[in-house]
N, C-alpha and C. Protein backbone atom coordinates (compact mmCIF):
# COMPACT_ATOMS: atom_id res chain seq x y z
N UNK A 1 100.99 129.20 143.78
CA UNK A 1 100.56 127.86 143.37
C UNK A 1 100.71 127.66 141.87
N UNK A 2 100.35 128.71 141.10
CA UNK A 2 100.46 128.63 139.65
C UNK A 2 101.90 128.43 139.22
N UNK A 3 102.84 129.12 139.93
CA UNK A 3 104.25 129.00 139.59
C UNK A 3 104.74 127.58 139.83
N UNK A 4 104.18 126.88 140.81
CA UNK A 4 104.58 125.51 141.10
C UNK A 4 104.05 124.54 140.05
N UNK A 5 102.85 124.79 139.56
CA UNK A 5 102.23 123.88 138.60
C UNK A 5 102.88 123.94 137.23
N UNK A 6 103.37 125.09 136.84
CA UNK A 6 103.94 125.23 135.50
C UNK A 6 105.15 124.31 135.28
N UNK A 7 106.12 124.29 136.23
CA UNK A 7 107.24 123.35 136.03
C UNK A 7 106.78 121.89 136.00
N UNK A 8 105.78 121.55 136.81
CA UNK A 8 105.27 120.18 136.80
C UNK A 8 104.63 119.83 135.46
N UNK A 9 103.87 120.76 134.90
CA UNK A 9 103.23 120.53 133.60
C UNK A 9 104.27 120.38 132.51
N UNK A 10 105.31 121.21 132.57
CA UNK A 10 106.38 121.12 131.57
C UNK A 10 107.11 119.79 131.67
N UNK A 11 107.38 119.35 132.89
CA UNK A 11 108.06 118.06 133.09
C UNK A 11 107.20 116.91 132.58
N UNK A 12 105.89 116.98 132.80
CA UNK A 12 104.97 115.94 132.35
C UNK A 12 104.94 115.88 130.82
N UNK A 13 104.92 117.05 130.18
CA UNK A 13 104.91 117.10 128.72
C UNK A 13 106.19 116.51 128.15
N UNK A 14 107.33 116.81 128.78
CA UNK A 14 108.60 116.25 128.32
C UNK A 14 108.63 114.74 128.48
N UNK A 15 108.07 114.24 129.57
CA UNK A 15 108.07 112.79 129.78
C UNK A 15 107.19 112.09 128.75
N UNK A 16 106.08 112.71 128.36
CA UNK A 16 105.22 112.13 127.32
C UNK A 16 105.96 112.09 125.99
N UNK A 17 106.69 113.17 125.68
CA UNK A 17 107.45 113.20 124.43
C UNK A 17 108.53 112.13 124.42
N UNK A 18 109.18 111.91 125.57
CA UNK A 18 110.21 110.88 125.66
C UNK A 18 109.61 109.49 125.46
N UNK A 19 108.41 109.26 126.00
CA UNK A 19 107.75 107.96 125.81
C UNK A 19 107.43 107.72 124.34
N UNK A 20 106.98 108.78 123.66
CA UNK A 20 106.65 108.64 122.24
C UNK A 20 107.89 108.28 121.44
N UNK A 21 109.04 108.88 121.79
CA UNK A 21 110.27 108.58 121.08
C UNK A 21 110.75 107.16 121.38
N UNK A 22 110.48 106.67 122.60
CA UNK A 22 110.90 105.31 122.95
C UNK A 22 110.02 104.26 122.30
N UNK A 23 108.81 104.61 121.89
CA UNK A 23 107.89 103.67 121.26
C UNK A 23 107.45 104.18 119.89
N UNK A 24 108.39 104.22 118.92
CA UNK A 24 108.01 104.70 117.60
C UNK A 24 107.07 103.71 116.92
N UNK A 25 106.30 104.15 115.94
CA UNK A 25 105.39 103.23 115.25
C UNK A 25 106.15 102.17 114.47
N UNK A 26 105.55 101.01 114.31
CA UNK A 26 106.11 99.95 113.48
C UNK A 26 105.75 100.23 112.03
N UNK A 27 106.75 100.18 111.15
CA UNK A 27 106.54 100.45 109.73
C UNK A 27 106.49 99.15 108.94
N UNK A 28 105.49 99.03 108.08
CA UNK A 28 105.29 97.82 107.29
C UNK A 28 105.48 98.09 105.81
N UNK A 29 106.24 97.22 105.15
CA UNK A 29 106.36 97.25 103.69
C UNK A 29 105.24 96.41 103.09
N UNK A 30 104.86 96.72 101.85
CA UNK A 30 103.93 95.86 101.12
C UNK A 30 104.77 94.70 100.58
N UNK A 31 104.54 93.46 101.06
CA UNK A 31 105.39 92.34 100.63
C UNK A 31 105.26 92.07 99.13
N UNK A 32 106.26 91.39 98.59
CA UNK A 32 106.22 90.98 97.19
C UNK A 32 105.47 89.67 97.10
N UNK A 33 104.42 89.65 96.29
CA UNK A 33 103.62 88.43 96.12
C UNK A 33 104.19 87.61 94.97
N UNK A 34 103.99 86.28 94.97
CA UNK A 34 104.46 85.45 93.86
C UNK A 34 103.80 85.88 92.55
N UNK A 35 104.56 85.79 91.45
CA UNK A 35 104.02 86.15 90.14
C UNK A 35 104.08 84.95 89.21
N UNK A 36 103.19 84.96 88.23
CA UNK A 36 103.16 83.91 87.23
C UNK A 36 103.90 84.39 85.98
N UNK A 37 104.63 83.49 85.34
CA UNK A 37 105.38 83.85 84.14
C UNK A 37 104.43 84.14 82.99
N UNK A 38 104.84 85.07 82.12
CA UNK A 38 104.01 85.44 80.97
C UNK A 38 104.12 84.39 79.88
N UNK A 39 103.05 84.26 79.11
CA UNK A 39 103.09 83.40 77.93
C UNK A 39 103.95 84.09 76.87
N UNK A 40 104.91 83.36 76.32
CA UNK A 40 105.86 83.98 75.39
C UNK A 40 105.21 84.39 74.07
N UNK A 41 104.08 83.78 73.73
CA UNK A 41 103.42 84.09 72.46
C UNK A 41 102.24 85.03 72.63
N UNK A 42 102.13 85.68 73.77
CA UNK A 42 100.98 86.55 74.03
C UNK A 42 101.05 87.82 73.19
N UNK A 43 99.91 88.16 72.56
CA UNK A 43 99.84 89.40 71.78
C UNK A 43 99.95 90.62 72.69
N UNK A 44 99.56 90.47 73.94
CA UNK A 44 99.63 91.58 74.89
C UNK A 44 101.07 92.00 75.13
N UNK A 45 102.01 91.07 74.95
CA UNK A 45 103.42 91.36 75.20
C UNK A 45 103.95 92.46 74.28
N UNK A 46 103.28 92.72 73.17
CA UNK A 46 103.73 93.77 72.24
C UNK A 46 103.29 95.17 72.68
N UNK A 47 102.42 95.25 73.68
CA UNK A 47 101.88 96.53 74.12
C UNK A 47 102.85 97.28 75.05
N UNK A 48 102.73 98.60 75.03
CA UNK A 48 103.39 99.45 76.03
C UNK A 48 102.27 100.08 76.85
N UNK A 49 102.30 99.81 78.15
CA UNK A 49 101.15 100.13 79.00
C UNK A 49 101.55 101.15 80.07
N UNK A 50 100.76 102.21 80.16
CA UNK A 50 100.93 103.21 81.21
C UNK A 50 99.93 102.92 82.32
N UNK A 51 100.43 102.74 83.53
CA UNK A 51 99.57 102.48 84.69
C UNK A 51 99.52 103.72 85.56
N UNK A 52 98.34 104.32 85.67
CA UNK A 52 98.17 105.49 86.53
C UNK A 52 98.28 105.09 88.00
N UNK A 53 98.62 106.06 88.83
CA UNK A 53 98.65 105.81 90.28
C UNK A 53 97.26 105.36 90.73
N UNK A 54 97.21 104.27 91.46
CA UNK A 54 95.93 103.72 91.93
C UNK A 54 95.22 104.75 92.80
N UNK A 55 93.94 104.97 92.50
CA UNK A 55 93.13 105.90 93.29
C UNK A 55 92.48 105.14 94.44
N UNK A 56 92.93 105.42 95.66
CA UNK A 56 92.44 104.73 96.85
C UNK A 56 91.42 105.59 97.59
N UNK A 57 90.55 104.96 98.39
CA UNK A 57 89.67 105.74 99.26
C UNK A 57 90.50 106.48 100.31
N UNK A 58 89.93 107.54 100.87
CA UNK A 58 90.67 108.40 101.79
C UNK A 58 91.29 107.63 102.96
N UNK A 59 90.55 106.68 103.54
CA UNK A 59 91.08 105.98 104.72
C UNK A 59 92.32 105.17 104.39
N UNK A 60 92.47 104.75 103.13
CA UNK A 60 93.63 103.95 102.73
C UNK A 60 94.81 104.81 102.29
N UNK A 61 94.59 106.11 102.11
CA UNK A 61 95.66 107.02 101.71
C UNK A 61 96.54 107.41 102.90
N UNK A 62 96.03 107.28 104.10
CA UNK A 62 96.77 107.66 105.30
C UNK A 62 97.90 106.67 105.55
N UNK A 63 98.99 107.13 106.18
CA UNK A 63 100.09 106.22 106.48
C UNK A 63 99.72 105.22 107.57
N UNK A 64 98.77 105.58 108.44
CA UNK A 64 98.30 104.65 109.46
C UNK A 64 97.52 103.52 108.78
N UNK A 65 97.83 102.28 109.13
CA UNK A 65 97.15 101.14 108.50
C UNK A 65 95.71 101.09 108.96
N UNK A 66 94.79 101.05 107.99
CA UNK A 66 93.36 100.98 108.28
C UNK A 66 92.94 99.51 108.39
N UNK A 67 92.02 99.24 109.30
CA UNK A 67 91.52 97.87 109.46
C UNK A 67 90.08 97.91 109.94
N UNK A 68 89.34 96.85 109.60
CA UNK A 68 87.93 96.77 109.98
C UNK A 68 87.79 96.38 111.45
N UNK A 69 86.90 97.07 112.15
CA UNK A 69 86.58 96.69 113.52
C UNK A 69 85.13 96.22 113.64
N UNK A 70 84.40 96.29 112.55
CA UNK A 70 83.01 95.86 112.49
C UNK A 70 82.60 95.76 111.04
N UNK A 71 81.35 95.48 110.78
CA UNK A 71 80.89 95.31 109.40
C UNK A 71 81.09 96.58 108.57
N UNK A 72 80.92 97.73 109.19
CA UNK A 72 81.03 99.00 108.45
C UNK A 72 81.93 100.02 109.13
N UNK A 73 82.69 99.59 110.12
CA UNK A 73 83.54 100.54 110.85
C UNK A 73 85.01 100.27 110.58
N UNK A 74 85.74 101.35 110.32
CA UNK A 74 87.17 101.27 110.00
C UNK A 74 87.94 102.08 111.05
N UNK A 75 89.04 101.50 111.53
CA UNK A 75 89.92 102.21 112.46
C UNK A 75 91.29 102.36 111.81
N UNK A 76 92.06 103.32 112.30
CA UNK A 76 93.44 103.50 111.85
C UNK A 76 94.35 103.30 113.04
N UNK A 77 95.39 102.52 112.84
CA UNK A 77 96.33 102.26 113.93
C UNK A 77 97.35 103.39 114.03
N UNK A 78 97.55 103.89 115.24
CA UNK A 78 98.58 104.91 115.44
C UNK A 78 99.96 104.28 115.59
N UNK A 79 100.00 102.99 115.89
CA UNK A 79 101.27 102.31 116.14
C UNK A 79 101.76 101.49 114.95
N UNK A 80 100.89 101.17 114.01
CA UNK A 80 101.25 100.35 112.85
C UNK A 80 100.99 101.17 111.59
N UNK A 81 102.06 101.42 110.82
CA UNK A 81 101.95 102.31 109.67
C UNK A 81 102.62 101.70 108.44
N UNK A 82 102.19 102.17 107.27
CA UNK A 82 102.87 101.79 106.03
C UNK A 82 104.19 102.53 105.95
N UNK A 83 105.25 101.83 105.54
CA UNK A 83 106.56 102.47 105.41
C UNK A 83 106.57 103.48 104.27
N UNK A 84 105.82 103.20 103.21
CA UNK A 84 105.65 104.09 102.06
C UNK A 84 104.16 104.23 101.80
N UNK A 85 103.73 105.29 101.11
CA UNK A 85 102.30 105.42 100.82
C UNK A 85 101.76 104.19 100.09
N UNK A 86 100.64 103.68 100.54
CA UNK A 86 100.06 102.46 99.97
C UNK A 86 99.74 102.64 98.49
N UNK A 87 99.26 103.81 98.10
CA UNK A 87 98.93 104.03 96.68
C UNK A 87 100.17 103.85 95.81
N UNK A 88 101.31 104.37 96.25
CA UNK A 88 102.54 104.26 95.46
C UNK A 88 103.05 102.83 95.41
N UNK A 89 103.11 102.17 96.56
CA UNK A 89 103.66 100.81 96.58
C UNK A 89 102.72 99.82 95.90
N UNK A 90 101.41 100.00 96.05
CA UNK A 90 100.47 99.10 95.37
C UNK A 90 100.53 99.29 93.86
N UNK A 91 100.69 100.54 93.41
CA UNK A 91 100.82 100.81 91.97
C UNK A 91 102.08 100.17 91.42
N UNK A 92 103.20 100.33 92.12
CA UNK A 92 104.45 99.72 91.68
C UNK A 92 104.35 98.20 91.65
N UNK A 93 103.72 97.62 92.68
CA UNK A 93 103.55 96.16 92.72
C UNK A 93 102.67 95.68 91.58
N UNK A 94 101.61 96.42 91.28
CA UNK A 94 100.71 96.04 90.19
C UNK A 94 101.42 96.14 88.84
N UNK A 95 102.22 97.17 88.64
CA UNK A 95 102.97 97.32 87.39
C UNK A 95 103.93 96.15 87.20
N UNK A 96 104.66 95.79 88.26
CA UNK A 96 105.59 94.67 88.16
C UNK A 96 104.89 93.36 87.90
N UNK A 97 103.76 93.15 88.57
CA UNK A 97 103.01 91.90 88.38
C UNK A 97 102.42 91.82 86.98
N UNK A 98 101.94 92.94 86.44
CA UNK A 98 101.39 92.93 85.08
C UNK A 98 102.48 92.67 84.04
N UNK A 99 103.66 93.24 84.25
CA UNK A 99 104.78 92.97 83.35
C UNK A 99 105.12 91.48 83.37
N UNK A 100 105.17 90.90 84.57
CA UNK A 100 105.50 89.48 84.69
C UNK A 100 104.43 88.60 84.06
N UNK A 101 103.17 88.97 84.19
CA UNK A 101 102.08 88.12 83.71
C UNK A 101 101.83 88.26 82.21
N UNK A 102 102.08 89.46 81.65
CA UNK A 102 101.75 89.69 80.24
C UNK A 102 102.97 89.75 79.33
N UNK A 103 104.13 90.04 79.88
CA UNK A 103 105.31 90.25 79.05
C UNK A 103 105.38 91.64 78.45
N UNK A 104 104.35 92.46 78.69
CA UNK A 104 104.33 93.83 78.16
C UNK A 104 105.17 94.75 79.03
N UNK A 105 105.57 95.87 78.44
CA UNK A 105 106.23 96.91 79.22
C UNK A 105 105.15 97.70 79.94
N UNK A 106 105.14 97.62 81.26
CA UNK A 106 104.14 98.34 82.07
C UNK A 106 104.89 99.30 82.98
N UNK A 107 104.66 100.59 82.80
CA UNK A 107 105.33 101.60 83.61
C UNK A 107 104.31 102.33 84.47
N UNK A 108 104.65 102.44 85.75
CA UNK A 108 103.79 103.18 86.68
C UNK A 108 104.10 104.66 86.60
N UNK A 109 103.09 105.46 86.89
CA UNK A 109 103.24 106.91 86.94
C UNK A 109 104.24 107.28 88.04
N UNK A 110 105.13 108.28 87.82
CA UNK A 110 105.23 109.18 86.67
C UNK A 110 105.97 108.52 85.50
N UNK A 111 105.60 108.89 84.29
CA UNK A 111 106.17 108.29 83.09
C UNK A 111 107.25 109.18 82.50
N UNK A 112 108.27 108.57 81.90
CA UNK A 112 109.31 109.37 81.25
C UNK A 112 108.74 110.09 80.02
N UNK A 113 109.29 111.24 79.65
CA UNK A 113 108.74 112.02 78.53
C UNK A 113 108.71 111.24 77.21
N UNK A 114 109.67 110.35 77.01
CA UNK A 114 109.75 109.62 75.74
C UNK A 114 108.82 108.42 75.68
N UNK A 115 108.14 108.11 76.76
CA UNK A 115 107.26 106.94 76.80
C UNK A 115 106.00 107.22 75.99
N UNK A 116 105.70 106.33 75.04
CA UNK A 116 104.54 106.49 74.16
C UNK A 116 103.66 105.25 74.26
N UNK A 117 102.82 105.17 75.30
CA UNK A 117 102.06 103.94 75.54
C UNK A 117 100.95 103.73 74.52
N UNK A 118 100.67 102.46 74.26
CA UNK A 118 99.52 102.11 73.42
C UNK A 118 98.27 101.95 74.27
N UNK A 119 98.44 101.60 75.54
CA UNK A 119 97.32 101.42 76.45
C UNK A 119 97.58 102.19 77.74
N UNK A 120 96.50 102.63 78.37
CA UNK A 120 96.60 103.26 79.68
C UNK A 120 95.58 102.60 80.60
N UNK A 121 96.05 102.22 81.80
CA UNK A 121 95.18 101.56 82.78
C UNK A 121 94.97 102.49 83.97
N UNK A 122 93.70 102.69 84.32
CA UNK A 122 93.34 103.43 85.53
C UNK A 122 92.61 102.48 86.47
N UNK A 123 93.00 102.47 87.73
CA UNK A 123 92.37 101.62 88.74
C UNK A 123 91.74 102.52 89.79
N UNK A 124 90.42 102.44 89.91
CA UNK A 124 89.67 103.24 90.88
C UNK A 124 89.15 102.30 91.97
N UNK A 125 89.67 102.44 93.17
CA UNK A 125 89.37 101.51 94.26
C UNK A 125 88.26 102.06 95.15
N UNK A 126 87.25 101.24 95.38
CA UNK A 126 86.17 101.59 96.30
C UNK A 126 86.49 101.15 97.73
N UNK A 127 87.11 99.97 97.85
CA UNK A 127 87.38 99.40 99.17
C UNK A 127 88.70 98.63 99.13
N UNK A 128 89.57 98.88 100.13
CA UNK A 128 90.83 98.16 100.25
C UNK A 128 91.15 98.08 101.74
N UNK A 129 90.56 97.08 102.42
CA UNK A 129 90.68 97.00 103.87
C UNK A 129 90.28 95.60 104.32
N UNK A 130 90.76 95.21 105.48
CA UNK A 130 90.38 93.93 106.06
C UNK A 130 90.49 93.98 107.58
N UNK A 131 89.96 92.96 108.21
CA UNK A 131 90.04 92.85 109.67
C UNK A 131 91.32 92.13 110.06
N UNK A 132 91.81 92.38 111.26
CA UNK A 132 92.98 91.65 111.76
C UNK A 132 92.66 90.17 111.79
N UNK A 133 93.49 89.37 111.15
CA UNK A 133 93.27 87.93 111.11
C UNK A 133 92.20 87.50 110.12
N UNK A 134 91.68 88.43 109.32
CA UNK A 134 90.63 88.11 108.35
C UNK A 134 91.05 88.48 106.94
N UNK A 135 90.16 88.24 105.97
CA UNK A 135 90.50 88.56 104.58
C UNK A 135 90.53 90.06 104.33
N UNK A 136 91.25 90.44 103.28
CA UNK A 136 91.28 91.83 102.82
C UNK A 136 90.46 91.92 101.55
N UNK A 137 89.55 92.89 101.51
CA UNK A 137 88.72 93.12 100.34
C UNK A 137 89.32 94.24 99.49
N UNK A 138 89.46 93.96 98.20
CA UNK A 138 89.90 94.96 97.23
C UNK A 138 88.85 95.00 96.13
N UNK A 139 88.11 96.10 96.04
CA UNK A 139 87.05 96.21 95.04
C UNK A 139 87.10 97.56 94.37
N UNK A 140 86.58 97.61 93.14
CA UNK A 140 86.57 98.86 92.41
C UNK A 140 86.38 98.62 90.93
N UNK A 141 87.02 99.46 90.12
CA UNK A 141 86.84 99.40 88.67
C UNK A 141 88.17 99.62 87.97
N UNK A 142 88.39 98.85 86.90
CA UNK A 142 89.56 99.02 86.04
C UNK A 142 89.08 99.58 84.70
N UNK A 143 89.79 100.60 84.22
CA UNK A 143 89.50 101.16 82.90
C UNK A 143 90.76 101.11 82.05
N UNK A 144 90.64 100.54 80.87
CA UNK A 144 91.77 100.46 79.94
C UNK A 144 91.44 101.31 78.73
N UNK A 145 92.24 102.36 78.50
CA UNK A 145 92.06 103.23 77.34
C UNK A 145 93.07 102.84 76.27
N UNK A 146 92.61 102.75 75.03
CA UNK A 146 93.45 102.37 73.89
C UNK A 146 93.73 103.61 73.06
N UNK A 147 95.01 103.98 72.93
CA UNK A 147 95.38 105.18 72.18
C UNK A 147 95.00 105.06 70.71
N UNK A 148 94.98 103.84 70.18
CA UNK A 148 94.64 103.64 68.77
C UNK A 148 93.15 103.83 68.52
N UNK A 149 92.33 103.49 69.52
CA UNK A 149 90.88 103.62 69.39
C UNK A 149 90.39 104.99 69.86
N UNK A 150 91.25 105.70 70.60
CA UNK A 150 90.87 106.97 71.23
C UNK A 150 89.63 106.80 72.11
N UNK A 151 89.62 105.73 72.85
CA UNK A 151 88.49 105.49 73.74
C UNK A 151 88.78 104.35 74.69
N UNK A 152 87.77 103.97 75.49
CA UNK A 152 87.92 102.88 76.45
C UNK A 152 87.75 101.54 75.75
N UNK A 153 88.72 100.67 75.95
CA UNK A 153 88.65 99.33 75.36
C UNK A 153 88.11 98.32 76.36
N UNK A 154 88.37 98.55 77.63
CA UNK A 154 87.93 97.63 78.69
C UNK A 154 87.46 98.46 79.88
N UNK A 155 86.29 98.14 80.39
CA UNK A 155 85.82 98.67 81.68
C UNK A 155 85.34 97.46 82.47
N UNK A 156 85.96 97.22 83.60
CA UNK A 156 85.68 95.98 84.33
C UNK A 156 85.63 96.24 85.83
N UNK A 157 84.60 95.74 86.48
CA UNK A 157 84.51 95.78 87.94
C UNK A 157 85.31 94.61 88.52
N UNK A 158 85.86 94.80 89.70
CA UNK A 158 86.54 93.70 90.39
C UNK A 158 86.13 93.71 91.86
N UNK A 159 86.09 92.53 92.44
CA UNK A 159 85.74 92.37 93.85
C UNK A 159 86.54 91.17 94.37
N UNK A 160 87.65 91.46 95.00
CA UNK A 160 88.62 90.43 95.39
C UNK A 160 88.63 90.30 96.91
N UNK A 161 88.63 89.07 97.39
CA UNK A 161 88.78 88.80 98.82
C UNK A 161 90.03 87.95 98.99
N UNK A 162 91.11 88.57 99.44
CA UNK A 162 92.36 87.85 99.66
C UNK A 162 92.36 87.29 101.07
N UNK A 163 92.63 85.99 101.22
CA UNK A 163 92.58 85.39 102.56
C UNK A 163 93.61 85.98 103.50
N UNK A 164 93.37 85.82 104.77
CA UNK A 164 94.26 86.34 105.79
C UNK A 164 95.69 85.86 105.57
N UNK A 165 96.63 86.79 105.72
CA UNK A 165 98.04 86.43 105.62
C UNK A 165 98.63 86.06 106.96
N UNK A 166 97.78 85.89 107.98
CA UNK A 166 98.26 85.57 109.32
C UNK A 166 97.71 86.57 110.32
N UNK A 167 98.10 86.39 111.56
CA UNK A 167 97.61 87.26 112.63
C UNK A 167 98.31 88.61 112.61
N UNK A 168 97.67 89.60 113.16
CA UNK A 168 98.29 90.90 113.35
C UNK A 168 98.44 91.69 112.06
N UNK A 169 99.22 92.76 112.16
CA UNK A 169 99.36 93.67 111.03
C UNK A 169 100.28 93.12 109.95
N UNK A 170 101.21 92.22 110.29
CA UNK A 170 101.99 91.55 109.25
C UNK A 170 101.07 90.76 108.33
N UNK A 171 100.08 90.10 108.92
CA UNK A 171 99.11 89.35 108.13
C UNK A 171 98.27 90.26 107.26
N UNK A 172 97.91 91.42 107.78
CA UNK A 172 97.14 92.39 107.00
C UNK A 172 97.97 92.86 105.80
N UNK A 173 99.25 93.13 106.01
CA UNK A 173 100.12 93.58 104.92
C UNK A 173 100.25 92.50 103.85
N UNK A 174 100.43 91.24 104.28
CA UNK A 174 100.54 90.14 103.31
C UNK A 174 99.25 89.97 102.51
N UNK A 175 98.11 90.11 103.17
CA UNK A 175 96.83 89.98 102.47
C UNK A 175 96.63 91.13 101.49
N UNK A 176 97.08 92.33 101.82
CA UNK A 176 97.03 93.45 100.87
C UNK A 176 97.84 93.12 99.61
N UNK A 177 99.05 92.58 99.81
CA UNK A 177 99.90 92.23 98.67
C UNK A 177 99.25 91.14 97.82
N UNK A 178 98.65 90.15 98.47
CA UNK A 178 97.97 89.07 97.74
C UNK A 178 96.80 89.62 96.93
N UNK A 179 96.08 90.58 97.49
CA UNK A 179 94.95 91.18 96.77
C UNK A 179 95.42 91.89 95.51
N UNK A 180 96.55 92.61 95.59
CA UNK A 180 97.10 93.29 94.41
C UNK A 180 97.52 92.26 93.36
N UNK A 181 98.13 91.16 93.80
CA UNK A 181 98.53 90.10 92.87
C UNK A 181 97.31 89.49 92.17
N UNK A 182 96.23 89.30 92.90
CA UNK A 182 95.01 88.75 92.31
C UNK A 182 94.40 89.75 91.32
N UNK A 183 94.49 91.03 91.64
CA UNK A 183 94.01 92.04 90.70
C UNK A 183 94.83 91.99 89.41
N UNK A 184 96.13 91.81 89.53
CA UNK A 184 96.98 91.69 88.33
C UNK A 184 96.53 90.51 87.48
N UNK A 185 96.19 89.38 88.11
CA UNK A 185 95.69 88.22 87.37
C UNK A 185 94.43 88.58 86.58
N UNK A 186 93.51 89.30 87.22
CA UNK A 186 92.24 89.65 86.56
C UNK A 186 92.47 90.62 85.40
N UNK A 187 93.34 91.61 85.61
CA UNK A 187 93.61 92.57 84.53
C UNK A 187 94.31 91.89 83.38
N UNK A 188 95.30 91.03 83.68
CA UNK A 188 96.01 90.31 82.63
C UNK A 188 95.06 89.45 81.81
N UNK A 189 94.13 88.78 82.48
CA UNK A 189 93.15 87.94 81.77
C UNK A 189 92.25 88.80 80.89
N UNK A 190 91.84 89.98 81.37
CA UNK A 190 91.00 90.87 80.57
C UNK A 190 91.75 91.39 79.35
N UNK A 191 93.03 91.72 79.52
CA UNK A 191 93.84 92.18 78.40
C UNK A 191 94.04 91.07 77.37
N UNK A 192 94.27 89.87 77.86
CA UNK A 192 94.46 88.73 76.95
C UNK A 192 93.18 88.45 76.18
N UNK A 193 92.03 88.55 76.85
CA UNK A 193 90.75 88.33 76.17
C UNK A 193 90.50 89.39 75.11
N UNK A 194 90.94 90.62 75.37
CA UNK A 194 90.69 91.73 74.43
C UNK A 194 91.70 91.77 73.30
N UNK A 195 92.98 91.49 73.60
CA UNK A 195 94.03 91.69 72.61
C UNK A 195 94.76 90.42 72.21
N UNK A 196 94.50 89.33 72.89
CA UNK A 196 95.27 88.12 72.63
C UNK A 196 94.78 87.29 71.45
N UNK A 197 93.61 87.61 70.92
CA UNK A 197 93.04 86.81 69.85
C UNK A 197 93.66 87.06 68.50
């Protein structure tokens, strides 16, 4: 009897593997959000800014897209995944948006050896998640270190609610991108308030 069951078990395992290959996960890119043009006379445009890789909570570091299923419960989809790590793509998107908004040179980590930034921005995220068909919350703290002052020039909390980008996981991805764009607006405004005068 045991000899009969082994081939059946092996065949069942192979069929499960074939099903998994026939239904690969859907991969989502972080969409490009609209950007606002920089003011040509902005004092911030003279800065060279180093942007550290965004520090995300553990659930957002996984390739599986996280989403809210209740007020305090988060699930990860096995079928819907980020095409690239969210921390990397969100950092790159934030760097591009800050360059567009401020006119400054903003480089995301890793930095070239010859890069000598005047400012360094660290973004520490507490929450970056939303429900399917609902808003995405992006909250945490921004720290701006000034090499000339040898200390922190700006420490600012942020709490952003980006509206739903539509139904399903495409909408979740669009809302994530919108949240990053809104964060760029807030950081650019803080930099302008600190250095634009």
